[in-house]
Amino acid sequence: MILSLKLCCKFLADKHLCAEKKQVRIYHILREAFISEVMHH
């Protein structure tokens, strides 16, 4: 997960489209979704 974000960041870096805060927000959303999914099972 983190690795793919870093790769995405590298890929978009030359275009200055790497929004670190947005990536962190997406990571936390996915992490929370994963945790809630695990907790329900």
C-alpha atoms as a PDB file:
ATOM      1  CA  MET A   1       0.000   0.000   0.000  1.00  0.00           C
ATOM      2  CA  ILE A   2       2.632   2.496   1.113  1.00  0.00           C
ATOM      3  CA  LEU A   3       4.952   1.291  -1.655  1.00  0.00           C
ATOM      4  CA  SER A   4       2.338   1.907  -4.345  1.00  0.00           C
ATOM      5  CA  LEU A   5       1.787   5.428  -3.001  1.00  0.00           C
ATOM      6  CA  LYS A   6       5.521   6.083  -3.230  1.00  0.00           C
ATOM      7  CA  LEU A   7       5.585   4.759  -6.803  1.00  0.00           C
ATOM      8  CA  CYS A   8       2.607   6.943  -7.673  1.00  0.00           C
ATOM      9  CA  CYS A   9       4.355   9.907  -6.093  1.00  0.00           C
ATOM     10  CA  LYS A  10       7.532   9.268  -8.114  1.00  0.00           C
ATOM     11  CA  PHE A  11       5.515   8.839 -11.311  1.00  0.00           C
ATOM     12  CA  LEU A  12       3.693  12.152 -10.853  1.00  0.00           C
ATOM     13  CA  ALA A  13       6.547  14.122  -9.275  1.00  0.00           C
ATOM     14  CA  ASP A  14       7.699  15.666 -12.563  1.00  0.00           C
ATOM     15  CA  LYS A  15       4.183  17.030 -13.123  1.00  0.00           C
ATOM     16  CA  HIS A  16       3.911  18.294  -9.527  1.00  0.00           C
ATOM     17  CA  LEU A  17       0.674  16.347  -9.069  1.00  0.00           C
ATOM     18  CA  CYS A  18       1.882  14.477  -6.020  1.00  0.00           C
ATOM     19  CA  ALA A  19      -0.476  15.685  -3.277  1.00  0.00           C
ATOM     20  CA  GLU A  20       0.991  14.093  -0.166  1.00  0.00           C
ATOM     21  CA  LYS A  21      -1.916  15.087   2.082  1.00  0.00           C
ATOM     22  CA  LYS A  22      -4.423  13.540  -0.334  1.00  0.00           C
ATOM     23  CA  GLN A  23      -2.434  10.289  -0.442  1.00  0.00           C
ATOM     24  CA  VAL A  24      -2.258  10.165   3.353  1.00  0.00           C
ATOM     25  CA  ARG A  25      -6.005  10.776   3.563  1.00  0.00           C
ATOM     26  CA  ILE A  26      -6.696   7.944   1.088  1.00  0.00           C
ATOM     27  CA  TYR A  27      -4.343   5.658   3.037  1.00  0.00           C
ATOM     28  CA  HIS A  28      -6.156   6.375   6.307  1.00  0.00           C
ATOM     29  CA  ILE A  29      -9.580   5.846   4.695  1.00  0.00           C
ATOM     30  CA  LEU A  30      -8.493   2.468   3.312  1.00  0.00           C
ATOM     31  CA  ARG A  31      -6.860   1.555   6.620  1.00  0.00           C
ATOM     32  CA  GLU A  32     -10.008   2.423   8.591  1.00  0.00           C
ATOM     33  CA  ALA A  33     -12.133   0.445   6.120  1.00  0.00           C
ATOM     34  CA  PHE A  34      -9.804  -2.553   6.467  1.00  0.00           C
ATOM     35  CA  ILE A  35      -9.854  -2.387  10.276  1.00  0.00           C
ATOM     36  CA  SER A  36     -13.661  -2.103  10.404  1.00  0.00           C
ATOM     37  CA  GLU A  37     -13.932  -5.036   7.972  1.00  0.00           C
ATOM     38  CA  VAL A  38     -11.675  -7.159  10.174  1.00  0.00           C
ATOM     39  CA  MET A  39     -13.565  -6.157  13.317  1.00  0.00           C
ATOM     40  CA  HIS A  40     -16.881  -7.246  11.791  1.00  0.00           C
ATOM     41  CA  HIS A  41     -15.461 -10.732  11.148  1.00  0.00           C
END
